[in-house]
Protein backbone atom coordinates (compact mmCIF):
# COMPACT_ATOMS: atom_id res chain seq x y z
CA MET A 1 0.36 -11.39 -18.35
CA LYS A 2 -0.86 -12.06 -14.80
CA ILE A 3 -0.14 -9.28 -12.27
CA LEU A 4 -1.18 -9.13 -8.62
CA ILE A 5 -1.40 -5.82 -6.76
CA THR A 6 -1.28 -6.41 -3.01
CA ASN A 7 -1.64 -4.43 0.23
CA ALA A 8 -4.30 -2.19 -1.28
CA VAL A 9 -6.65 -0.12 0.92
CA SER A 10 -8.96 1.27 -1.76
CA LEU A 11 -11.55 2.71 0.64
CA ASN A 12 -8.97 5.40 1.37
CA THR A 13 -9.43 7.65 -1.63
CA GLY A 14 -5.75 8.60 -1.69
CA ASP A 15 -4.82 4.93 -1.88
CA ALA A 16 -7.44 4.40 -4.58
CA ALA A 17 -5.73 7.13 -6.63
CA ILE A 18 -2.38 5.38 -6.11
CA LEU A 19 -3.94 2.10 -7.25
CA ARG A 20 -5.34 3.67 -10.40
CA GLY A 21 -2.04 5.35 -11.14
CA ALA A 22 -0.11 2.11 -10.62
CA VAL A 23 -2.42 0.20 -12.95
CA GLY A 24 -1.95 2.97 -15.52
CA VAL A 25 1.84 2.65 -15.31
CA LEU A 26 1.65 -1.14 -15.61
CA ARG A 27 -0.66 -0.98 -18.64
CA ASN A 28 1.60 1.58 -20.27
CA THR A 29 4.55 -0.75 -19.65
CA PHE A 30 3.07 -4.16 -20.43
CA GLY A 31 0.11 -3.31 -22.66
CA ASN A 32 -3.63 -3.83 -22.23
CA ASP A 33 -3.39 -7.61 -22.49
CA MET A 34 -2.87 -7.79 -18.75
CA ASP A 35 -4.89 -9.68 -16.12
CA VAL A 36 -4.79 -7.74 -12.83
CA ALA A 37 -6.06 -8.96 -9.45
CA VAL A 38 -6.08 -6.60 -6.46
CA TYR A 39 -5.71 -7.97 -2.92
CA ASP A 40 -7.41 -5.45 -0.63
CA ALA A 41 -8.02 -5.14 3.11
CA ARG A 42 -11.75 -4.54 2.47
CA ALA A 43 -12.25 -6.33 -0.82
CA SER A 44 -16.04 -6.66 -0.90
CA ALA A 45 -16.67 -3.01 -0.01
CA ALA A 46 -13.94 -1.83 -2.39
CA LYS A 47 -15.61 -3.73 -5.22
CA ARG A 48 -18.81 -1.75 -4.71
CA HIS A 49 -17.00 1.56 -5.06
CA TYR A 50 -14.46 0.56 -7.72
CA PRO A 51 -16.12 -2.15 -9.85
CA GLU A 52 -13.46 -1.78 -12.55
CA PHE A 53 -10.98 -3.75 -10.40
CA ASN A 54 -10.93 -7.48 -9.74
CA TYR A 55 -10.66 -7.66 -5.94
CA ARG A 56 -9.58 -10.43 -3.57
CA PRO A 57 -9.39 -10.35 0.27
CA ALA A 58 -5.89 -9.68 1.62
CA LEU A 59 -3.92 -12.91 1.92
CA TYR A 60 -3.01 -12.52 5.61
CA ASP A 61 -6.64 -11.81 6.47
CA GLN A 62 -7.71 -14.96 4.65
CA VAL A 63 -5.28 -17.02 6.72
CA GLN A 64 -6.41 -15.52 10.02
CA SER A 65 -10.08 -15.87 9.13
CA ALA A 66 -9.62 -19.55 8.31
CA ALA A 67 -7.66 -20.20 11.53
CA LYS A 68 -10.11 -18.53 13.97
CA GLY A 69 -8.00 -17.79 17.02
CA ARG A 70 -4.67 -16.21 17.94
CA TRP A 71 -2.59 -19.37 18.39
CA ARG A 72 -4.27 -21.15 15.52
CA GLY A 73 -3.55 -18.05 13.47
CA LYS A 74 0.16 -18.26 14.30
CA LEU A 75 0.26 -21.94 13.34
CA ALA A 76 -1.68 -21.26 10.15
CA THR A 77 0.72 -18.47 9.23
CA ALA A 78 3.72 -20.78 9.65
CA PHE A 79 1.94 -23.53 7.72
CA VAL A 80 1.19 -21.25 4.75
CA LEU A 81 4.79 -20.02 4.64
CA PHE A 82 6.07 -23.62 4.61
CA LEU A 83 3.46 -24.54 2.01
CA SER A 84 4.62 -21.64 -0.19
CA LEU A 85 8.15 -23.02 -0.05
CA VAL A 86 7.07 -26.51 -1.23
CA TRP A 87 4.09 -25.44 -3.37
CA GLN A 88 5.51 -26.74 -6.64
CA ARG A 89 6.49 -30.12 -5.17
CA PRO A 90 4.29 -33.21 -4.66
CA LEU A 91 4.25 -32.54 -0.90
CA GLY A 92 2.92 -29.04 -1.54
CA ARG A 93 0.12 -30.30 -3.76
CA ARG A 94 -0.94 -32.79 -1.06
CA LEU A 95 -0.82 -30.24 1.75
CA ALA A 96 -2.71 -27.64 -0.29
CA HIS A 97 -5.90 -29.70 0.00
CA GLN A 98 -5.98 -28.95 3.73
CA LEU A 99 -6.63 -25.26 3.00
CA PRO A 100 -10.06 -23.67 2.54
CA PRO A 101 -10.86 -23.44 -1.20
CA ARG A 102 -10.63 -19.62 -1.39
CA LEU A 103 -7.25 -19.51 0.35
CA ARG A 104 -5.97 -22.37 -1.82
CA ASP A 105 -7.10 -20.53 -4.95
CA SER A 106 -5.38 -17.33 -3.77
CA LEU A 107 -2.07 -19.11 -3.16
CA ASP A 108 -2.36 -20.73 -6.57
CA GLU A 109 -2.96 -17.30 -8.11
CA TYR A 110 0.18 -15.98 -6.38
CA ALA A 111 2.12 -18.99 -7.68
CA ARG A 112 0.96 -18.34 -11.26
CA ALA A 113 1.61 -14.57 -11.20
CA ASP A 114 4.15 -13.13 -13.58
CA LEU A 115 4.64 -10.17 -11.25
CA VAL A 116 3.49 -9.22 -7.74
CA VAL A 117 3.34 -5.47 -7.07
CA ALA A 118 2.97 -4.17 -3.52
CA THR A 119 0.93 -1.03 -4.01
CA GLY A 120 2.36 2.38 -3.19
CA GLY A 121 1.62 4.45 -0.12
CA THR A 122 2.73 4.75 3.49
CA TYR A 123 2.28 1.47 5.31
CA LEU A 124 5.78 0.15 6.03
CA VAL A 125 6.16 2.54 8.97
CA PRO A 126 6.32 2.01 12.76
CA ALA A 127 2.81 3.46 13.27
CA TYR A 128 1.22 0.47 11.54
CA ARG A 129 1.40 -3.27 12.05
CA LEU A 130 4.08 -4.53 9.66
CA PHE A 131 3.88 -8.31 9.83
CA PRO A 132 0.74 -8.77 7.66
CA LYS A 133 2.57 -6.92 4.85
CA ILE A 134 5.81 -8.82 5.46
CA PHE A 135 3.86 -12.10 5.36
CA ASP A 136 2.54 -11.20 1.91
CA PHE A 137 6.08 -10.42 0.70
CA MET A 138 7.45 -13.67 2.12
CA VAL A 139 4.76 -15.78 0.46
CA THR A 140 5.54 -14.10 -2.85
CA LEU A 141 9.27 -14.74 -2.60
CA LEU A 142 8.94 -18.30 -1.28
CA LEU A 143 6.73 -19.07 -4.26
CA GLY A 144 9.52 -17.80 -6.48
CA ARG A 145 7.56 -14.83 -7.88
CA PRO A 146 9.20 -11.47 -8.68
CA LEU A 147 8.24 -8.75 -6.20
CA VAL A 148 8.15 -4.99 -6.81
CA LEU A 149 7.32 -2.31 -4.25
CA PHE A 150 5.60 0.63 -5.90
CA THR A 151 6.03 4.28 -4.88
CA GLN A 152 6.51 4.10 -1.09
CA SER A 153 7.30 6.21 1.92
CA LEU A 154 8.78 3.79 4.44
CA GLY A 155 10.78 3.45 7.65
CA PRO A 156 12.39 3.96 10.03
CA PHE A 157 12.68 0.33 11.09
CA PRO A 158 13.36 -0.14 14.82
CA PRO A 159 15.26 -3.24 16.03
CA GLY A 160 13.26 -6.44 16.32
CA ARG A 161 11.71 -9.28 14.36
CA ASP A 162 10.05 -7.12 11.72
CA ARG A 163 13.32 -5.34 10.91
CA LEU A 164 15.12 -8.66 10.38
CA LEU A 165 12.32 -10.05 8.21
CA LEU A 166 12.12 -6.83 6.17
CA ARG A 167 15.85 -6.93 5.53
CA TRP A 168 15.52 -10.50 4.23
CA VAL A 169 12.55 -9.57 2.04
CA LEU A 170 13.76 -6.26 0.63
CA ARG A 171 17.19 -7.61 -0.28
CA ARG A 172 15.34 -10.08 -2.56
CA THR A 173 12.90 -7.57 -4.04
CA ARG A 174 13.44 -6.78 -7.73
CA LEU A 175 12.61 -3.05 -7.50
CA ILE A 176 11.73 -0.64 -4.70
CA LEU A 177 10.30 2.75 -5.70
CA VAL A 178 10.52 5.38 -2.95
CA ARG A 179 8.88 8.79 -2.92
CA ASP A 180 11.45 10.67 -0.85
CA GLU A 181 15.07 10.81 0.19
CA ALA A 182 14.24 9.92 3.81
CA SER A 183 12.88 6.54 2.69
CA ARG A 184 16.06 5.90 0.73
CA ARG A 185 18.11 6.62 3.86
CA HIS A 186 15.97 4.23 5.90
CA LEU A 187 16.66 1.51 3.32
CA ASP A 188 20.37 2.28 3.43
CA ASP A 189 20.24 1.85 7.20
CA LEU A 190 18.55 -1.51 6.63
CA GLY A 191 21.33 -2.59 4.29
CA VAL A 192 19.18 -2.31 1.16
CA SER A 193 20.63 -0.10 -1.56
CA GLY A 194 21.90 -0.10 -5.10
CA ASP A 195 20.11 -0.09 -8.44
CA ARG A 196 17.01 -1.80 -7.04
CA VAL A 197 16.11 1.37 -5.08
CA VAL A 198 14.78 4.19 -7.27
CA GLN A 199 13.26 7.51 -6.19
CA ALA A 200 10.12 8.39 -8.15
CA ALA A 201 6.98 10.53 -7.96
CA ASP A 202 3.86 9.15 -6.32
CA ALA A 203 1.85 6.90 -8.63
CA ALA A 204 -1.27 9.06 -8.18
CA PHE A 205 0.35 11.79 -10.31
CA VAL A 206 -0.04 9.52 -13.33
CA MET A 207 -3.71 10.58 -13.25
CA ALA A 208 -2.80 14.25 -13.81
CA ARG A 209 -4.10 15.69 -17.06
CA LEU A 210 -1.28 17.10 -19.14
CA ASP A 211 -3.65 19.02 -21.42
CA ILE A 212 -4.62 21.48 -18.66
CA PRO A 213 -2.57 24.69 -19.00
CA PRO A 214 -0.66 26.00 -15.98
CA ARG A 215 -2.77 28.20 -13.69
CA ARG A 216 -1.71 31.70 -12.79
CA PHE A 217 -1.96 32.97 -9.21
CA PRO A 218 -4.32 34.56 -8.56
CA PRO A 219 -6.59 33.36 -11.41
CA ALA A 220 -8.52 36.00 -13.31
CA GLY A 221 -12.10 36.60 -12.25
CA ARG A 222 -12.40 34.25 -9.25
CA PRO A 223 -10.63 33.28 -6.02
CA PHE A 224 -7.79 30.78 -6.13
CA ARG A 225 -9.07 27.45 -4.76
CA VAL A 226 -7.04 25.29 -2.38
CA ALA A 227 -7.99 21.87 -0.99
CA ILE A 228 -6.45 20.90 2.35
CA SER A 229 -6.40 17.22 3.26
CA VAL A 230 -7.24 16.68 6.93
CA ARG A 231 -7.63 13.58 9.06
CA ASP A 232 -7.54 12.17 12.56
CA TRP A 233 -4.13 10.74 13.53
CA PRO A 234 -3.58 8.71 16.74
CA HIS A 235 0.02 7.67 16.00
CA PHE A 236 2.14 10.56 17.28
CA GLN A 237 5.44 9.12 18.51
CA ARG A 238 6.82 11.85 20.79
CA GLU A 239 3.66 13.07 22.53
CA PRO A 240 0.15 11.92 23.55
CA PRO A 241 -2.37 11.75 20.65
CA ALA A 242 -4.54 14.56 22.08
CA MET A 243 -1.56 16.92 22.30
CA GLY A 244 -0.34 15.95 18.85
CA MET A 245 -3.78 16.54 17.32
CA GLN A 246 -4.00 19.91 19.04
CA ARG A 247 -0.71 21.03 17.45
CA TYR A 248 -1.76 19.59 14.09
CA LEU A 249 -5.11 21.41 14.10
CA ALA A 250 -3.42 24.64 15.18
CA ALA A 251 -1.03 24.33 12.23
CA VAL A 252 -3.89 23.71 9.79
CA ALA A 253 -5.79 26.67 11.24
CA LYS A 254 -2.75 28.95 10.85
CA LEU A 255 -2.22 27.85 7.26
CA THR A 256 -5.90 28.43 6.47
CA ARG A 257 -5.87 31.86 8.06
CA VAL A 258 -2.85 32.94 6.01
CA LEU A 259 -4.36 31.62 2.77
CA VAL A 260 -7.76 33.26 3.33
CA GLU A 261 -6.81 36.56 4.99
CA ASP A 262 -3.53 37.34 3.22
CA HIS A 263 -4.19 35.86 -0.22
CA GLY A 264 -7.98 35.73 -0.64
CA VAL A 265 -7.92 31.98 -1.21
CA GLN A 266 -11.07 29.84 -1.13
CA VAL A 267 -10.31 26.80 1.07
CA THR A 268 -12.07 23.43 1.06
CA PHE A 269 -11.24 20.75 3.61
CA LEU A 270 -11.15 17.20 2.30
CA SER A 271 -10.49 13.85 3.89
CA THR A 272 -9.21 10.63 2.36
CA CYS A 273 -11.72 8.89 4.68
CA GLN A 274 -14.99 9.58 2.88
CA GLY A 275 -17.50 8.07 5.28
CA VAL A 276 -17.55 4.50 3.97
CA PRO A 277 -18.74 2.44 6.99
CA GLU A 278 -16.23 -0.38 6.39
CA TYR A 279 -13.38 2.14 6.61
């Protein structure tokens, strides 16, 4: 069985955990006789850190790299979407030879996939650029391949082109797994609902070891240990980034103070951005 996992950002360690969890779910569902290719935003660097996965550069990035220029990129994007629509026809086979070999091979791999899985995470949100992800979805659907969105937090979707394209895409998606009720409401607002939308736990929790007994608080003989994930965030919507970061850091400091001073907790700060230069 050929499965593609797309929209991966494995240099973010949280996303790498989601990727590993998703692959675990897929192997548990379809068995070990499964050929998986992962399309990642930083494929070559990701391969160095996670050699167990078979990485490819993200499809949209391949198109833009081949086009070299904003307007050429727009034309190339439209060309690839049209080519995806006619890929199985004689015209598609003739036009495909105009593509660079790596991009042509990637489109052929999409066309041969039994399932395309958009990895889980938080990327279909206003803070990030949506069209590269939508482009990937559209290519998948135009090629006639089944599309599944793994455990997501998504929305809201403001009016505009991306909202219209997402509505078209998500209404044709086989399954959308959301991590929270807010995401389900955003899909309802988009006109996407029904059995294809399912709320589920984040894929990273598949990695949890079930053989570890529950821990009591506080544990006997040592301090209770808590890891707090911290990061820089420039995408505050209702206030300037500097003001938003100031409030965020104040909240983290208050939480830390309560944990340490009131409960004797040992705190470690972690980041999903672990100093990889490409990220």
